[in-house]
């Protein structure tokens, strides 16, 4: 998947993303720095925790991200679906 474009700048984009993620169930902010966010997402099925990371890259004015399961080799596309939902929300939200 392509990185998410900045809306205005890294600070505004970070605040906007944090606001959206704070409204989701089963999501916890684990680490935050100037250009980085690390969240844990609880899966709806089973008792699994996935790690989701965002890096705010000023050189391309975009947000790189990754979502990974902690356990096992496959997640039946759950992480990709999650990131597609976030990217969709990002593309339509004003």
Protein backbone atom coordinates (compact mmCIF):
# COMPACT_ATOMS: atom_id res chain seq x y z
CA UNK A 1 0.00 0.00 0.00
CA UNK A 2 1.10 3.54 -0.66
CA UNK A 3 1.96 5.89 2.21
CA UNK A 4 -0.70 8.34 3.35
CA UNK A 5 -0.14 11.94 2.20
CA UNK A 6 0.14 14.74 4.75
CA UNK A 7 -2.91 16.97 5.05
CA UNK A 8 -1.10 20.17 6.00
CA UNK A 9 2.10 19.16 7.75
CA UNK A 10 3.43 16.41 9.97
CA UNK A 11 2.02 17.89 13.19
CA UNK A 12 -1.52 18.37 11.84
CA UNK A 13 -1.45 14.94 10.21
CA UNK A 14 -0.29 13.29 13.42
CA UNK A 15 -3.00 14.99 15.48
CA UNK A 16 -5.68 14.04 12.94
CA UNK A 17 -4.57 10.39 12.87
CA UNK A 18 -4.36 10.18 16.66
CA UNK A 19 -7.85 11.63 16.98
CA UNK A 20 -9.29 9.06 14.57
CA UNK A 21 -7.52 6.10 16.20
CA UNK A 22 -8.61 7.20 19.69
CA UNK A 23 -12.24 6.66 18.63
CA UNK A 24 -11.71 2.99 17.71
CA UNK A 25 -12.37 0.13 20.13
CA UNK A 26 -9.49 -2.07 21.25
CA UNK A 27 -6.76 0.41 20.28
CA UNK A 28 -4.00 1.60 22.64
CA UNK A 29 -1.25 4.12 22.04
CA UNK A 30 2.00 2.49 23.18
CA UNK A 31 4.68 4.94 22.08
CA UNK A 32 4.73 8.44 20.67
CA UNK A 33 7.62 10.58 19.53
CA UNK A 34 7.88 13.56 17.22
CA UNK A 35 7.71 11.52 14.00
CA UNK A 36 6.48 8.11 15.20
CA UNK A 37 3.39 6.42 16.64
CA UNK A 38 3.07 2.83 17.84
CA UNK A 39 -0.37 1.38 18.59
CA UNK A 40 -1.66 -1.99 19.70
CA UNK A 41 -4.89 -3.27 18.17
CA UNK A 42 -6.85 -6.10 19.78
CA UNK A 43 -8.34 -8.44 17.19
CA UNK A 44 -12.07 -9.04 17.15
CA UNK A 45 -11.66 -12.79 16.77
CA UNK A 46 -9.45 -14.65 19.12
CA UNK A 47 -7.32 -13.00 21.72
CA UNK A 48 -4.54 -11.50 19.59
CA UNK A 49 -2.73 -8.20 19.63
CA UNK A 50 -1.38 -6.60 16.45
CA UNK A 51 1.23 -3.85 16.30
CA UNK A 52 0.60 -0.86 14.05
CA UNK A 53 3.29 1.76 13.47
CA UNK A 54 3.25 5.11 11.69
CA UNK A 55 6.28 7.16 10.62
CA UNK A 56 5.78 10.79 9.59
CA UNK A 57 8.28 11.48 6.82
CA UNK A 58 8.82 15.17 6.05
CA UNK A 59 11.02 14.39 3.04
CA UNK A 60 8.03 13.06 1.07
CA UNK A 61 5.29 14.70 3.17
CA UNK A 62 3.73 11.32 3.81
CA UNK A 63 3.01 8.78 6.54
CA UNK A 64 4.58 5.35 6.18
CA UNK A 65 2.85 2.58 8.11
CA UNK A 66 2.95 -1.11 8.87
CA UNK A 67 0.63 -3.48 10.65
CA UNK A 68 1.86 -6.85 11.87
CA UNK A 69 0.56 -9.78 13.87
CA UNK A 70 2.65 -10.77 16.87
CA UNK A 71 1.82 -14.46 16.67
CA UNK A 72 1.68 -16.82 13.72
CA UNK A 73 2.41 -16.54 10.02
CA UNK A 74 -0.92 -15.45 8.62
CA UNK A 75 -3.84 -13.36 9.69
CA UNK A 76 -6.19 -14.01 6.75
CA UNK A 77 -5.69 -10.42 5.56
CA UNK A 78 -6.81 -8.73 8.79
CA UNK A 79 -3.89 -6.30 8.95
CA UNK A 80 -4.25 -5.27 5.32
CA UNK A 81 -7.99 -4.73 5.74
CA UNK A 82 -7.31 -2.58 8.81
CA UNK A 83 -4.83 -0.42 6.93
CA UNK A 84 -7.19 -0.13 3.95
CA UNK A 85 -9.95 1.12 6.29
CA UNK A 86 -7.58 3.70 7.77
CA UNK A 87 -6.42 4.77 4.29
CA UNK A 88 -10.04 5.03 3.10
CA UNK A 89 -11.01 7.18 6.08
CA UNK A 90 -7.91 9.32 5.50
CA UNK A 91 -8.85 9.87 1.83
CA UNK A 92 -12.44 10.98 2.52
CA UNK A 93 -12.08 12.93 5.77
CA UNK A 94 -11.81 16.67 5.48
